[in-house]
C-alpha cells in the first residue's frame, strides 16, 4: 500500500504506514493472540464446569470409541462395565 502511494502520489500517507504496521502485527502475531493477551475473558460456564470426565461420562450420549465401528464392540462392553460399577 505504501508503495502504491509513493508511485501514484510521490509521497506516503500516514494511513498507509498505519496499515502496513497493523498488517505486519497481524501477520507475525495474529489478532487472536493479541486479543487473548489484552482481554482476559473467561466465560462463567467454563469456570463452573471443572468436573472430571470420568464423573460425567455416564451422561454423554456418544463417545468416539462407541461410535467408531472398529472399536464399537469393546468400547460398548467397557461402557456397560463402567455403568454397573
Protein backbone atom coordinates (compact mmCIF):
# COMPACT_ATOMS: atom_id res chain seq x y z
CA UNK A 1 0.00 0.00 0.00
CA UNK A 2 2.81 2.40 0.82
CA UNK A 3 4.47 1.54 -2.45
CA UNK A 4 1.30 2.42 -4.37
CA UNK A 5 1.07 5.76 -2.58
CA UNK A 6 4.65 6.51 -3.49
CA UNK A 7 4.10 5.57 -7.12
CA UNK A 8 0.76 7.37 -7.53
CA UNK A 9 1.24 10.42 -5.30
CA UNK A 10 5.06 10.53 -4.87
CA UNK A 11 4.61 10.63 -1.09
CA UNK A 12 3.46 8.16 1.58
CA UNK A 13 0.46 8.97 3.78
CA UNK A 14 0.34 8.12 7.47
CA UNK A 15 -2.68 5.87 6.79
CA UNK A 16 -0.50 3.69 4.62
CA UNK A 17 2.15 3.43 7.31
CA UNK A 18 -0.51 2.58 9.90
CA UNK A 19 -2.00 -0.12 7.66
CA UNK A 20 1.46 -1.52 6.98
CA UNK A 21 2.21 -1.73 10.72
CA UNK A 22 -1.17 -3.33 11.51
CA UNK A 23 -0.80 -5.89 8.75
CA UNK A 24 2.72 -6.71 9.99
CA UNK A 25 1.40 -7.24 13.52
CA UNK A 26 -1.40 -9.40 12.18
CA UNK A 27 0.99 -11.43 10.05
CA UNK A 28 3.53 -12.11 12.77
CA UNK A 29 1.36 -12.33 15.90
CA UNK A 30 -2.22 -12.66 14.76
CA UNK A 31 -5.10 -10.70 16.21
CA UNK A 32 -6.36 -13.69 18.20
CA UNK A 33 -3.11 -13.74 20.17
CA UNK A 34 -3.36 -10.01 20.83
CA UNK A 35 -7.00 -10.22 21.92
CA UNK A 36 -6.14 -13.08 24.25
CA UNK A 37 -3.28 -11.09 25.80
CA UNK A 38 -5.19 -7.80 26.08
CA UNK A 39 -8.59 -9.08 27.22
CA UNK A 40 -8.57 -11.81 29.84
CA UNK A 41 -12.04 -13.22 29.28
CA UNK A 42 -13.28 -16.47 30.71
CA UNK A 43 -16.91 -17.36 30.46
CA UNK A 44 -18.89 -18.31 33.53
CA UNK A 45 -19.78 -21.64 32.00
CA UNK A 46 -16.13 -22.54 31.50
CA UNK A 47 -15.25 -21.62 35.08
CA UNK A 48 -18.18 -23.59 36.52
CA UNK A 49 -17.66 -26.79 34.53
CA UNK A 50 -14.43 -28.02 36.04
CA UNK A 51 -15.62 -31.59 36.51
CA UNK A 52 -13.57 -34.62 35.57
CA UNK A 53 -14.56 -36.62 32.50
CA UNK A 54 -14.98 -39.85 34.46
CA UNK A 55 -17.55 -38.23 36.74
CA UNK A 56 -19.79 -37.15 33.83
CA UNK A 57 -19.11 -39.99 31.40
CA UNK A 58 -22.49 -41.62 32.05
CA UNK A 59 -24.35 -38.51 30.83
CA UNK A 60 -22.76 -38.41 27.36
CA UNK A 61 -24.94 -39.67 24.55
CA UNK A 62 -22.00 -40.90 22.49
CA UNK A 63 -18.25 -41.30 22.73
CA UNK A 64 -15.72 -41.63 19.96
CA UNK A 65 -14.87 -45.22 20.82
CA UNK A 66 -18.52 -46.26 20.97
CA UNK A 67 -19.28 -44.59 17.61
CA UNK A 68 -16.21 -45.88 15.81
CA UNK A 69 -17.12 -49.13 14.02
CA UNK A 70 -13.69 -50.64 14.66
CA UNK A 71 -13.76 -50.17 18.45
CA UNK A 72 -17.50 -50.14 18.97
CA UNK A 73 -17.90 -53.63 20.46
CA UNK A 74 -15.13 -53.41 23.05
CA UNK A 75 -15.99 -49.81 23.93
CA UNK A 76 -19.64 -50.68 24.49
CA UNK A 77 -18.64 -53.51 26.82
CA UNK A 78 -16.30 -51.18 28.72
CA UNK A 79 -19.04 -48.55 28.96
CA UNK A 80 -21.56 -51.05 30.32
CA UNK A 81 -18.99 -52.20 32.90
CA UNK A 82 -18.48 -48.55 33.83
CA UNK A 83 -22.22 -48.06 34.28
CA UNK A 84 -22.53 -51.13 36.51
CA UNK A 85 -19.71 -50.02 38.79
